[in-house]
Amino acid sequence: MKYQIHDKKRVTEILDDMLYFKKHDIDVTNISFNRFENEIENGNISGHEDDVLEVTDNLIETFKKTKENFEAGNLPIPEKMD
């Protein structure tokens, strides 16, 4: 990712979630930042740190919900990740 996140807590949380997903064979590879990139290109947002942190917080919330759904048995049976 070409945007820097200078918040150790957020980075650690994302990395912990990614390791959790890998351990449980949950595929989160469909997550992209295309919309974020498009918003910058269209001039709707600047792409400065505040925007990056907002996107990061949204990602953390998405990961949290994904974990909650998995733990509640509400996700499809995971396919093996390589």
N, C-alpha and C. Protein backbone atom coordinates (compact mmCIF):
# COMPACT_ATOMS: atom_id res chain seq x y z
N MET A 1 0.85 -1.17 0.00
CA MET A 1 0.00 0.00 0.00
C MET A 1 0.89 1.23 0.00
N LYS A 2 0.57 2.19 -0.81
CA LYS A 2 1.44 3.35 -0.95
C LYS A 2 1.17 4.45 0.06
N TYR A 3 0.16 4.28 0.90
CA TYR A 3 -0.14 5.30 1.91
C TYR A 3 0.40 4.84 3.26
N GLN A 4 1.02 5.75 3.96
CA GLN A 4 1.64 5.43 5.23
C GLN A 4 0.63 5.54 6.37
N ILE A 5 0.68 4.58 7.29
CA ILE A 5 -0.13 4.64 8.50
C ILE A 5 0.85 4.69 9.66
N HIS A 6 0.86 5.81 10.36
CA HIS A 6 1.81 6.00 11.45
C HIS A 6 1.13 5.80 12.80
N ASP A 7 0.30 4.78 12.89
CA ASP A 7 -0.41 4.49 14.12
C ASP A 7 -0.20 3.01 14.42
N LYS A 8 0.72 2.74 15.34
CA LYS A 8 1.12 1.36 15.63
C LYS A 8 -0.07 0.50 16.06
N LYS A 9 -0.98 1.07 16.81
CA LYS A 9 -2.15 0.31 17.29
C LYS A 9 -3.00 -0.16 16.12
N ARG A 10 -3.27 0.72 15.19
CA ARG A 10 -4.09 0.35 14.03
C ARG A 10 -3.39 -0.70 13.17
N VAL A 11 -2.11 -0.50 12.91
CA VAL A 11 -1.36 -1.45 12.09
C VAL A 11 -1.33 -2.82 12.77
N THR A 12 -1.08 -2.84 14.06
CA THR A 12 -1.05 -4.10 14.80
C THR A 12 -2.40 -4.80 14.74
N GLU A 13 -3.48 -4.04 14.89
CA GLU A 13 -4.81 -4.62 14.84
C GLU A 13 -5.09 -5.25 13.47
N ILE A 14 -4.72 -4.56 12.41
CA ILE A 14 -4.92 -5.10 11.07
C ILE A 14 -4.09 -6.36 10.86
N LEU A 15 -2.83 -6.33 11.27
CA LEU A 15 -1.96 -7.50 11.11
C LEU A 15 -2.47 -8.68 11.93
N ASP A 16 -2.92 -8.43 13.16
CA ASP A 16 -3.49 -9.50 13.99
C ASP A 16 -4.71 -10.11 13.32
N ASP A 17 -5.57 -9.26 12.77
CA ASP A 17 -6.76 -9.76 12.08
C ASP A 17 -6.38 -10.59 10.86
N MET A 18 -5.41 -10.13 10.10
CA MET A 18 -4.99 -10.86 8.91
C MET A 18 -4.43 -12.24 9.28
N LEU A 19 -3.67 -12.30 10.38
CA LEU A 19 -3.16 -13.59 10.84
C LEU A 19 -4.30 -14.50 11.29
N TYR A 20 -5.30 -13.93 11.95
CA TYR A 20 -6.49 -14.68 12.37
C TYR A 20 -7.19 -15.27 11.15
N PHE A 21 -7.38 -14.44 10.11
CA PHE A 21 -8.05 -14.91 8.91
C PHE A 21 -7.24 -16.02 8.23
N LYS A 22 -5.95 -15.85 8.16
CA LYS A 22 -5.09 -16.87 7.56
C LYS A 22 -5.20 -18.17 8.34
N LYS A 23 -5.15 -18.09 9.66
CA LYS A 23 -5.23 -19.28 10.52
C LYS A 23 -6.54 -20.03 10.31
N HIS A 24 -7.61 -19.30 10.07
CA HIS A 24 -8.93 -19.90 9.93
C HIS A 24 -9.36 -20.04 8.46
N ASP A 25 -8.42 -19.83 7.55
CA ASP A 25 -8.67 -19.97 6.10
C ASP A 25 -9.84 -19.11 5.64
N ILE A 26 -9.91 -17.88 6.14
CA ILE A 26 -10.93 -16.93 5.72
C ILE A 26 -10.31 -16.03 4.66
N ASP A 27 -10.91 -16.04 3.49
CA ASP A 27 -10.38 -15.27 2.37
C ASP A 27 -10.88 -13.83 2.43
N VAL A 28 -9.96 -12.90 2.61
CA VAL A 28 -10.31 -11.48 2.61
C VAL A 28 -9.58 -10.76 1.46
N THR A 29 -9.18 -11.53 0.46
CA THR A 29 -8.44 -10.95 -0.65
C THR A 29 -9.30 -10.09 -1.56
N ASN A 30 -10.62 -10.13 -1.38
CA ASN A 30 -11.49 -9.31 -2.22
C ASN A 30 -11.58 -7.87 -1.74
N ILE A 31 -10.94 -7.56 -0.63
CA ILE A 31 -10.94 -6.18 -0.13
C ILE A 31 -9.95 -5.37 -0.95
N SER A 32 -10.42 -4.23 -1.46
CA SER A 32 -9.53 -3.38 -2.25
C SER A 32 -9.71 -1.93 -1.84
N PHE A 33 -8.78 -1.13 -2.29
CA PHE A 33 -8.83 0.30 -2.02
C PHE A 33 -9.16 1.09 -3.28
N ASN A 34 -9.79 0.41 -4.26
CA ASN A 34 -10.12 1.07 -5.51
C ASN A 34 -11.01 2.29 -5.29
N ARG A 35 -11.99 2.16 -4.43
CA ARG A 35 -12.90 3.28 -4.20
C ARG A 35 -12.14 4.46 -3.62
N PHE A 36 -11.23 4.18 -2.69
CA PHE A 36 -10.41 5.23 -2.09
C PHE A 36 -9.58 5.93 -3.16
N GLU A 37 -8.96 5.14 -4.03
CA GLU A 37 -8.16 5.69 -5.12
C GLU A 37 -9.04 6.53 -6.06
N ASN A 38 -10.23 6.03 -6.37
CA ASN A 38 -11.13 6.76 -7.25
C ASN A 38 -11.58 8.08 -6.63
N GLU A 39 -11.83 8.09 -5.32
CA GLU A 39 -12.24 9.31 -4.63
C GLU A 39 -11.14 10.37 -4.70
N ILE A 40 -9.89 9.94 -4.60
CA ILE A 40 -8.76 10.88 -4.70
C ILE A 40 -8.67 11.41 -6.12
N GLU A 41 -8.73 10.50 -7.09
CA GLU A 41 -8.63 10.91 -8.50
C GLU A 41 -9.74 11.88 -8.89
N ASN A 42 -10.94 11.68 -8.35
CA ASN A 42 -12.07 12.54 -8.67
C ASN A 42 -12.06 13.85 -7.88
N GLY A 43 -11.11 13.98 -6.96
CA GLY A 43 -11.01 15.20 -6.18
C GLY A 43 -11.99 15.30 -5.03
N ASN A 44 -12.66 14.20 -4.70
CA ASN A 44 -13.63 14.21 -3.61
C ASN A 44 -12.95 14.21 -2.24
N ILE A 45 -11.78 13.60 -2.16
CA ILE A 45 -10.97 13.62 -0.93
C ILE A 45 -9.53 13.90 -1.32
N SER A 46 -8.76 14.32 -0.34
CA SER A 46 -7.38 14.71 -0.62
C SER A 46 -6.40 13.55 -0.60
N GLY A 47 -6.71 12.51 0.18
CA GLY A 47 -5.76 11.41 0.33
C GLY A 47 -4.75 11.67 1.42
N HIS A 48 -4.96 12.74 2.18
CA HIS A 48 -4.05 13.03 3.30
C HIS A 48 -4.26 12.03 4.42
N GLU A 49 -3.46 12.16 5.46
CA GLU A 49 -3.45 11.19 6.54
C GLU A 49 -4.84 10.97 7.16
N ASP A 50 -5.62 12.03 7.35
CA ASP A 50 -6.95 11.87 7.94
C ASP A 50 -7.82 10.95 7.09
N ASP A 51 -7.72 11.09 5.77
CA ASP A 51 -8.49 10.22 4.88
C ASP A 51 -8.00 8.77 4.98
N VAL A 52 -6.70 8.60 5.03
CA VAL A 52 -6.12 7.26 5.14
C VAL A 52 -6.55 6.61 6.45
N LEU A 53 -6.55 7.38 7.53
CA LEU A 53 -6.95 6.83 8.82
C LEU A 53 -8.43 6.46 8.83
N GLU A 54 -9.25 7.24 8.15
CA GLU A 54 -10.68 6.90 8.07
C GLU A 54 -10.88 5.59 7.33
N VAL A 55 -10.18 5.43 6.22
CA VAL A 55 -10.26 4.18 5.46
C VAL A 55 -9.73 3.02 6.31
N THR A 56 -8.66 3.26 7.03
CA THR A 56 -8.08 2.24 7.90
C THR A 56 -9.07 1.83 8.98
N ASP A 57 -9.72 2.80 9.60
CA ASP A 57 -10.72 2.50 10.63
C ASP A 57 -11.89 1.71 10.05
N ASN A 58 -12.28 2.04 8.82
CA ASN A 58 -13.35 1.27 8.16
C ASN A 58 -12.91 -0.17 7.92
N LEU A 59 -11.65 -0.36 7.54
CA LEU A 59 -11.12 -1.70 7.33
C LEU A 59 -11.12 -2.48 8.64
N ILE A 60 -10.69 -1.84 9.71
CA ILE A 60 -10.67 -2.49 11.02
C ILE A 60 -12.09 -2.91 11.42
N GLU A 61 -13.07 -2.05 11.18
CA GLU A 61 -14.46 -2.36 11.50
C GLU A 61 -14.97 -3.52 10.64
N THR A 62 -14.61 -3.54 9.36
CA THR A 62 -14.99 -4.64 8.48
C THR A 62 -14.39 -5.95 8.96
N PHE A 63 -13.11 -5.92 9.32
CA PHE A 63 -12.45 -7.12 9.84
C PHE A 63 -13.12 -7.59 11.14
N LYS A 64 -13.46 -6.65 12.00
CA LYS A 64 -14.11 -6.99 13.27
C LYS A 64 -15.44 -7.71 13.00
N LYS A 65 -16.24 -7.17 12.09
CA LYS A 65 -17.53 -7.78 11.76
C LYS A 65 -17.33 -9.15 11.12
N THR A 66 -16.32 -9.28 10.28
CA THR A 66 -16.03 -10.56 9.65
C THR A 66 -15.67 -11.61 10.70
N LYS A 67 -14.83 -11.23 11.66
CA LYS A 67 -14.48 -12.15 12.74
C LYS A 67 -15.69 -12.53 13.56
N GLU A 68 -16.52 -11.55 13.90
CA GLU A 68 -17.73 -11.82 14.69
C GLU A 68 -18.66 -12.77 13.95
N ASN A 69 -18.82 -12.55 12.65
CA ASN A 69 -19.67 -13.43 11.84
C ASN A 69 -19.10 -14.85 11.79
N PHE A 70 -17.80 -14.96 11.62
CA PHE A 70 -17.16 -16.27 11.58
C PHE A 70 -17.35 -16.99 12.90
N GLU A 71 -17.09 -16.29 14.00
CA GLU A 71 -17.20 -16.91 15.32
C GLU A 71 -18.64 -17.29 15.66
N ALA A 72 -19.60 -16.60 15.06
CA ALA A 72 -21.01 -16.93 15.27
C ALA A 72 -21.50 -17.99 14.28
N GLY A 73 -20.61 -18.43 13.39
CA GLY A 73 -20.98 -19.45 12.42
C GLY A 73 -21.76 -18.91 11.23
N ASN A 74 -21.64 -17.63 10.97
CA ASN A 74 -22.42 -17.00 9.91
C ASN A 74 -21.65 -16.78 8.61
N LEU A 75 -20.50 -17.37 8.48
CA LEU A 75 -19.75 -17.26 7.22
C LEU A 75 -19.78 -18.62 6.53
N PRO A 76 -19.67 -18.63 5.21
CA PRO A 76 -19.59 -19.91 4.50
C PRO A 76 -18.33 -20.66 4.94
N ILE A 77 -18.35 -21.95 4.70
CA ILE A 77 -17.17 -22.75 5.04
C ILE A 77 -16.00 -22.19 4.24
N PRO A 78 -14.92 -21.85 4.91
CA PRO A 78 -13.80 -21.22 4.20
C PRO A 78 -13.10 -22.18 3.26
N GLU A 79 -12.64 -21.62 2.15
CA GLU A 79 -11.82 -22.39 1.23
C GLU A 79 -10.37 -22.20 1.65
N LYS A 80 -9.58 -23.20 1.38
CA LYS A 80 -8.18 -23.16 1.78
C LYS A 80 -7.45 -22.04 1.04
N MET A 81 -6.73 -21.21 1.82
CA MET A 81 -5.93 -20.15 1.21
C MET A 81 -4.52 -20.67 0.97
N ASP A 82 -3.87 -20.19 -0.07
CA ASP A 82 -2.48 -20.59 -0.34
C ASP A 82 -1.53 -19.72 0.44
